[in-house]
């Protein structure tokens, strides 16, 4: 997960319907609303922590 330009592309690949409420909130905090939606965020420790928490719901690529 070490992006050369300091960005990460995060894609929601699984539904948040049957997951914990705090995981749902984390996905929304990342800016993801729909399956297959992709957002590009800065590669910071906070974003990495959020991605780590919901790693089973998202796919991460270098920006």
PDB file of N, CA and C in Angstrom:
ATOM      1  N   UNK A   1       0.795  -1.193   0.000  1.00  0.00           N
ATOM      2  CA  UNK A   1       0.000   0.000   0.000  1.00  0.00           C
ATOM      3  C   UNK A   1       0.842   1.263   0.000  1.00  0.00           C
ATOM      4  N   UNK A   2       1.997   1.283  -0.540  1.00  0.00           N
ATOM      5  CA  UNK A   2       2.808   2.486  -0.556  1.00  0.00           C
ATOM      6  C   UNK A   2       2.685   3.207  -1.878  1.00  0.00           C
ATOM      7  N   UNK A   3       1.787   4.155  -1.954  1.00  0.00           N
ATOM      8  CA  UNK A   3       1.558   4.875  -3.194  1.00  0.00           C
ATOM      9  C   UNK A   3       2.684   5.862  -3.456  1.00  0.00           C
ATOM     10  N   UNK A   4       3.118   5.908  -4.710  1.00  0.00           N
ATOM     11  CA  UNK A   4       4.224   6.782  -5.074  1.00  0.00           C
ATOM     12  C   UNK A   4       3.834   8.260  -4.975  1.00  0.00           C
ATOM     13  N   UNK A   5       2.605   8.584  -5.346  1.00  0.00           N
ATOM     14  CA  UNK A   5       2.183   9.984  -5.321  1.00  0.00           C
ATOM     15  C   UNK A   5       1.378  10.334  -4.076  1.00  0.00           C
ATOM     16  N   UNK A   6       1.339   9.462  -3.097  1.00  0.00           N
ATOM     17  CA  UNK A   6       0.648   9.763  -1.849  1.00  0.00           C
ATOM     18  C   UNK A   6      -0.845   9.595  -1.891  1.00  0.00           C
ATOM     19  N   UNK A   7      -1.374   8.843  -2.859  1.00  0.00           N
ATOM     20  CA  UNK A   7      -2.816   8.635  -2.988  1.00  0.00           C
ATOM     21  C   UNK A   7      -3.129   7.136  -2.973  1.00  0.00           C
ATOM     22  N   UNK A   8      -4.307   6.796  -2.469  1.00  0.00           N
ATOM     23  CA  UNK A   8      -4.812   5.429  -2.507  1.00  0.00           C
ATOM     24  C   UNK A   8      -6.171   5.438  -3.197  1.00  0.00           C
ATOM     25  N   UNK A   9      -6.407   4.462  -4.076  1.00  0.00           N
ATOM     26  CA  UNK A   9      -7.724   4.292  -4.679  1.00  0.00           C
ATOM     27  C   UNK A   9      -8.422   3.174  -3.915  1.00  0.00           C
ATOM     28  N   UNK A  10      -9.539   3.507  -3.297  1.00  0.00           N
ATOM     29  CA  UNK A  10     -10.272   2.570  -2.455  1.00  0.00           C
ATOM     30  C   UNK A  10     -11.620   2.306  -3.097  1.00  0.00           C
ATOM     31  N   UNK A  11     -11.957   1.015  -3.290  1.00  0.00           N
ATOM     32  CA  UNK A  11     -13.195   0.614  -3.933  1.00  0.00           C
ATOM     33  C   UNK A  11     -13.988  -0.275  -2.994  1.00  0.00           C
ATOM     34  N   UNK A  12     -15.273   0.005  -2.841  1.00  0.00           N
ATOM     35  CA  UNK A  12     -16.152  -0.830  -2.032  1.00  0.00           C
ATOM     36  C   UNK A  12     -16.550  -2.051  -2.861  1.00  0.00           C
ATOM     37  N   UNK A  13     -16.237  -3.250  -2.381  1.00  0.00           N
ATOM     38  CA  UNK A  13     -16.499  -4.464  -3.154  1.00  0.00           C
ATOM     39  C   UNK A  13     -17.556  -5.360  -2.520  1.00  0.00           C
ATOM     40  N   UNK A  14     -17.896  -5.119  -1.251  1.00  0.00           N
ATOM     41  CA  UNK A  14     -18.929  -5.913  -0.588  1.00  0.00           C
ATOM     42  C   UNK A  14     -19.925  -4.988   0.091  1.00  0.00           C
ATOM     43  N   UNK A  15     -21.137  -5.481   0.278  1.00  0.00           N
ATOM     44  CA  UNK A  15     -22.188  -4.700   0.913  1.00  0.00           C
ATOM     45  C   UNK A  15     -21.942  -4.543   2.410  1.00  0.00           C
ATOM     46  N   UNK A  16     -22.430  -3.442   2.946  1.00  0.00           N
ATOM     47  CA  UNK A  16     -22.311  -3.192   4.386  1.00  0.00           C
ATOM     48  C   UNK A  16     -23.584  -3.601   5.129  1.00  0.00           C
ATOM     49  N   UNK A  17     -24.491  -4.277   4.470  1.00  0.00           N
ATOM     50  CA  UNK A  17     -25.786  -4.617   5.076  1.00  0.00           C
ATOM     51  C   UNK A  17     -25.675  -5.433   6.351  1.00  0.00           C
ATOM     52  N   UNK A  18     -24.862  -6.460   6.358  1.00  0.00           N
ATOM     53  CA  UNK A  18     -24.836  -7.353   7.512  1.00  0.00           C
ATOM     54  C   UNK A  18     -23.543  -7.228   8.313  1.00  0.00           C
ATOM     55  N   UNK A  19     -22.951  -6.053   8.316  1.00  0.00           N
ATOM     56  CA  UNK A  19     -21.725  -5.871   9.090  1.00  0.00           C
ATOM     57  C   UNK A  19     -21.996  -4.957  10.278  1.00  0.00           C
ATOM     58  N   UNK A  20     -21.017  -4.824  11.148  1.00  0.00           N
ATOM     59  CA  UNK A  20     -21.163  -4.031  12.361  1.00  0.00           C
ATOM     60  C   UNK A  20     -21.405  -2.552  12.043  1.00  0.00           C
ATOM     61  N   UNK A  21     -22.111  -1.895  12.930  1.00  0.00           N
ATOM     62  CA  UNK A  21     -22.462  -0.485  12.711  1.00  0.00           C
ATOM     63  C   UNK A  21     -21.221   0.402  12.630  1.00  0.00           C
ATOM     64  N   UNK A  22     -20.199   0.114  13.438  1.00  0.00           N
ATOM     65  CA  UNK A  22     -18.999   0.946  13.382  1.00  0.00           C
ATOM     66  C   UNK A  22     -18.232   0.723  12.084  1.00  0.00           C
ATOM     67  N   UNK A  23     -18.336  -0.459  11.502  1.00  0.00           N
ATOM     68  CA  UNK A  23     -17.706  -0.703  10.196  1.00  0.00           C
ATOM     69  C   UNK A  23     -18.465   0.035   9.103  1.00  0.00           C
ATOM     70  N   UNK A  24     -19.794   0.065   9.209  1.00  0.00           N
ATOM     71  CA  UNK A  24     -20.598   0.837   8.260  1.00  0.00           C
ATOM     72  C   UNK A  24     -20.214   2.312   8.318  1.00  0.00           C
ATOM     73  N   UNK A  25     -20.039   2.819   9.521  1.00  0.00           N
ATOM     74  CA  UNK A  25     -19.651   4.218   9.699  1.00  0.00           C
ATOM     75  C   UNK A  25     -18.267   4.498   9.128  1.00  0.00           C
ATOM     76  N   UNK A  26     -17.361   3.552   9.271  1.00  0.00           N
ATOM     77  CA  UNK A  26     -16.012   3.705   8.735  1.00  0.00           C
ATOM     78  C   UNK A  26     -16.044   3.777   7.212  1.00  0.00           C
ATOM     79  N   UNK A  27     -16.846   2.919   6.585  1.00  0.00           N
ATOM     80  CA  UNK A  27     -16.978   2.936   5.122  1.00  0.00           C
ATOM     81  C   UNK A  27     -17.531   4.283   4.665  1.00  0.00           C
ATOM     82  N   UNK A  28     -18.534   4.794   5.378  1.00  0.00           N
ATOM     83  CA  UNK A  28     -19.091   6.103   5.028  1.00  0.00           C
ATOM     84  C   UNK A  28     -18.059   7.203   5.252  1.00  0.00           C
ATOM     85  N   UNK A  29     -17.244   7.049   6.290  1.00  0.00           N
ATOM     86  CA  UNK A  29     -16.190   8.018   6.565  1.00  0.00           C
ATOM     87  C   UNK A  29     -15.134   8.061   5.480  1.00  0.00           C
ATOM     88  N   UNK A  30     -14.949   6.943   4.805  1.00  0.00           N
ATOM     89  CA  UNK A  30     -14.028   6.888   3.673  1.00  0.00           C
ATOM     90  C   UNK A  30     -14.641   7.527   2.426  1.00  0.00           C
ATOM     91  N   UNK A  31     -15.941   7.824   2.470  1.00  0.00           N
ATOM     92  CA  UNK A  31     -16.610   8.462   1.339  1.00  0.00           C
ATOM     93  C   UNK A  31     -17.255   7.494   0.387  1.00  0.00           C
ATOM     94  N   UNK A  32     -17.456   6.249   0.822  1.00  0.00           N
ATOM     95  CA  UNK A  32     -18.039   5.223  -0.046  1.00  0.00           C
ATOM     96  C   UNK A  32     -19.506   5.019   0.289  1.00  0.00           C
ATOM     97  N   UNK A  33     -20.354   5.013  -0.753  1.00  0.00           N
ATOM     98  CA  UNK A  33     -21.796   4.847  -0.550  1.00  0.00           C
ATOM     99  C   UNK A  33     -22.331   3.613  -1.264  1.00  0.00           C
ATOM    100  N   UNK A  34     -21.785   3.287  -2.413  1.00  0.00           N
ATOM    101  CA  UNK A  34     -22.322   2.200  -3.236  1.00  0.00           C
ATOM    102  C   UNK A  34     -21.227   1.192  -3.573  1.00  0.00           C
ATOM    103  N   UNK A  35     -21.636  -0.047  -3.819  1.00  0.00           N
ATOM    104  CA  UNK A  35     -20.703  -1.075  -4.263  1.00  0.00           C
ATOM    105  C   UNK A  35     -20.125  -0.646  -5.611  1.00  0.00           C
ATOM    106  N   UNK A  36     -18.855  -0.881  -5.805  1.00  0.00           N
ATOM    107  CA  UNK A  36     -18.079  -0.539  -7.006  1.00  0.00           C
ATOM    108  C   UNK A  36     -17.727   0.936  -7.085  1.00  0.00           C
ATOM    109  N   UNK A  37     -18.100   1.716  -6.101  1.00  0.00           N
ATOM    110  CA  UNK A  37     -17.698   3.126  -6.076  1.00  0.00           C
ATOM    111  C   UNK A  37     -16.240   3.203  -5.646  1.00  0.00           C
ATOM    112  N   UNK A  38     -15.477   4.064  -6.294  1.00  0.00           N
ATOM    113  CA  UNK A  38     -14.062   4.242  -5.997  1.00  0.00           C
ATOM    114  C   UNK A  38     -13.808   5.680  -5.580  1.00  0.00           C
ATOM    115  N   UNK A  39     -13.018   5.845  -4.533  1.00  0.00           N
ATOM    116  CA  UNK A  39     -12.586   7.172  -4.102  1.00  0.00           C
ATOM    117  C   UNK A  39     -11.067   7.187  -4.048  1.00  0.00           C
ATOM    118  N   UNK A  40     -10.497   8.351  -4.242  1.00  0.00           N
ATOM    119  CA  UNK A  40      -9.053   8.524  -4.161  1.00  0.00           C
ATOM    120  C   UNK A  40      -8.755   9.409  -2.960  1.00  0.00           C
ATOM    121  N   UNK A  41      -8.041   8.842  -1.989  1.00  0.00           N
ATOM    122  CA  UNK A  41      -7.742   9.548  -0.751  1.00  0.00           C
ATOM    123  C   UNK A  41      -6.242   9.623  -0.528  1.00  0.00           C
ATOM    124  N   UNK A  42      -5.832  10.573   0.284  1.00  0.00           N
ATOM    125  CA  UNK A  42      -4.421  10.728   0.633  1.00  0.00           C
ATOM    126  C   UNK A  42      -3.965   9.509   1.441  1.00  0.00           C
ATOM    127  N   UNK A  43      -2.723   9.119   1.222  1.00  0.00           N
ATOM    128  CA  UNK A  43      -2.138   7.967   1.921  1.00  0.00           C
ATOM    129  C   UNK A  43      -1.615   8.428   3.279  1.00  0.00           C
ATOM    130  N   UNK A  44      -2.514   8.481   4.274  1.00  0.00           N
ATOM    131  CA  UNK A  44      -2.159   8.915   5.620  1.00  0.00           C
ATOM    132  C   UNK A  44      -2.369   7.768   6.605  1.00  0.00           C
ATOM    133  N   UNK A  45      -1.765   7.839   7.777  1.00  0.00           N
ATOM    134  CA  UNK A  45      -1.982   6.786   8.776  1.00  0.00           C
ATOM    135  C   UNK A  45      -3.453   6.627   9.164  1.00  0.00           C
ATOM    136  N   UNK A  46      -4.219   7.721   9.196  1.00  0.00           N
ATOM    137  CA  UNK A  46      -5.635   7.636   9.548  1.00  0.00           C
ATOM    138  C   UNK A  46      -6.415   6.845   8.499  1.00  0.00           C
ATOM    139  N   UNK A  47      -6.163   7.135   7.231  1.00  0.00           N
ATOM    140  CA  UNK A  47      -6.856   6.431   6.151  1.00  0.00           C
ATOM    141  C   UNK A  47      -6.430   4.964   6.132  1.00  0.00           C
ATOM    142  N   UNK A  48      -5.161   4.690   6.335  1.00  0.00           N
ATOM    143  CA  UNK A  48      -4.693   3.303   6.379  1.00  0.00           C
ATOM    144  C   UNK A  48      -5.357   2.522   7.512  1.00  0.00           C
ATOM    145  N   UNK A  49      -5.539   3.173   8.657  1.00  0.00           N
ATOM    146  CA  UNK A  49      -6.208   2.526   9.777  1.00  0.00           C
ATOM    147  C   UNK A  49      -7.655   2.205   9.460  1.00  0.00           C
ATOM    148  N   UNK A  50      -8.332   3.134   8.812  1.00  0.00           N
ATOM    149  CA  UNK A  50      -9.726   2.899   8.422  1.00  0.00           C
ATOM    150  C   UNK A  50      -9.830   1.766   7.421  1.00  0.00           C
ATOM    151  N   UNK A  51      -8.927   1.746   6.452  1.00  0.00           N
ATOM    152  CA  UNK A  51      -8.922   0.680   5.446  1.00  0.00           C
ATOM    153  C   UNK A  51      -8.631  -0.670   6.101  1.00  0.00           C
ATOM    154  N   UNK A  52      -7.715  -0.685   7.047  1.00  0.00           N
ATOM    155  CA  UNK A  52      -7.377  -1.918   7.751  1.00  0.00           C
ATOM    156  C   UNK A  52      -8.586  -2.462   8.512  1.00  0.00           C
ATOM    157  N   UNK A  53      -9.369  -1.570   9.088  1.00  0.00           N
ATOM    158  CA  UNK A  53     -10.536  -1.965   9.872  1.00  0.00           C
ATOM    159  C   UNK A  53     -11.600  -2.639   9.008  1.00  0.00           C
ATOM    160  N   UNK A  54     -11.768  -2.169   7.779  1.00  0.00           N
ATOM    161  CA  UNK A  54     -12.811  -2.714   6.899  1.00  0.00           C
ATOM    162  C   UNK A  54     -12.200  -3.386   5.668  1.00  0.00           C
ATOM    163  N   UNK A  55     -11.047  -4.005   5.848  1.00  0.00           N
ATOM    164  CA  UNK A  55     -10.317  -4.595   4.719  1.00  0.00           C
ATOM    165  C   UNK A  55     -11.116  -5.687   4.008  1.00  0.00           C
ATOM    166  N   UNK A  56     -12.049  -6.313   4.701  1.00  0.00           N
ATOM    167  CA  UNK A  56     -12.860  -7.363   4.085  1.00  0.00           C
ATOM    168  C   UNK A  56     -13.985  -6.799   3.209  1.00  0.00           C
ATOM    169  N   UNK A  57     -14.167  -5.491   3.238  1.00  0.00           N
ATOM    170  CA  UNK A  57     -15.216  -4.848   2.435  1.00  0.00           C
ATOM    171  C   UNK A  57     -14.673  -4.051   1.253  1.00  0.00           C
ATOM    172  N   UNK A  58     -13.375  -3.713   1.286  1.00  0.00           N
ATOM    173  CA  UNK A  58     -12.819  -2.821   0.277  1.00  0.00           C
ATOM    174  C   UNK A  58     -11.628  -3.448  -0.434  1.00  0.00           C
ATOM    175  N   UNK A  59     -11.305  -2.860  -1.588  1.00  0.00           N
ATOM    176  CA  UNK A  59     -10.100  -3.204  -2.347  1.00  0.00           C
ATOM    177  C   UNK A  59      -9.294  -1.935  -2.483  1.00  0.00           C
ATOM    178  N   UNK A  60      -7.982  -2.040  -2.285  1.00  0.00           N
ATOM    179  CA  UNK A  60      -7.119  -0.866  -2.307  1.00  0.00           C
ATOM    180  C   UNK A  60      -6.090  -1.010  -3.414  1.00  0.00           C
ATOM    181  N   UNK A  61      -5.899   0.072  -4.165  1.00  0.00           N
ATOM    182  CA  UNK A  61      -4.860   0.133  -5.192  1.00  0.00           C
ATOM    183  C   UNK A  61      -4.102   1.432  -5.019  1.00  0.00           C
ATOM    184  N   UNK A  62      -2.843   1.448  -5.443  1.00  0.00           N
ATOM    185  CA  UNK A  62      -2.059   2.677  -5.402  1.00  0.00           C
ATOM    186  C   UNK A  62      -2.653   3.664  -6.403  1.00  0.00           C
ATOM    187  N   UNK A  63      -2.639   4.922  -6.005  1.00  0.00           N
ATOM    188  CA  UNK A  63      -3.243   5.980  -6.798  1.00  0.00           C
ATOM    189  C   UNK A  63      -2.455   6.295  -8.002  1.00  0.00           C
TER     190      UNK A  63
END
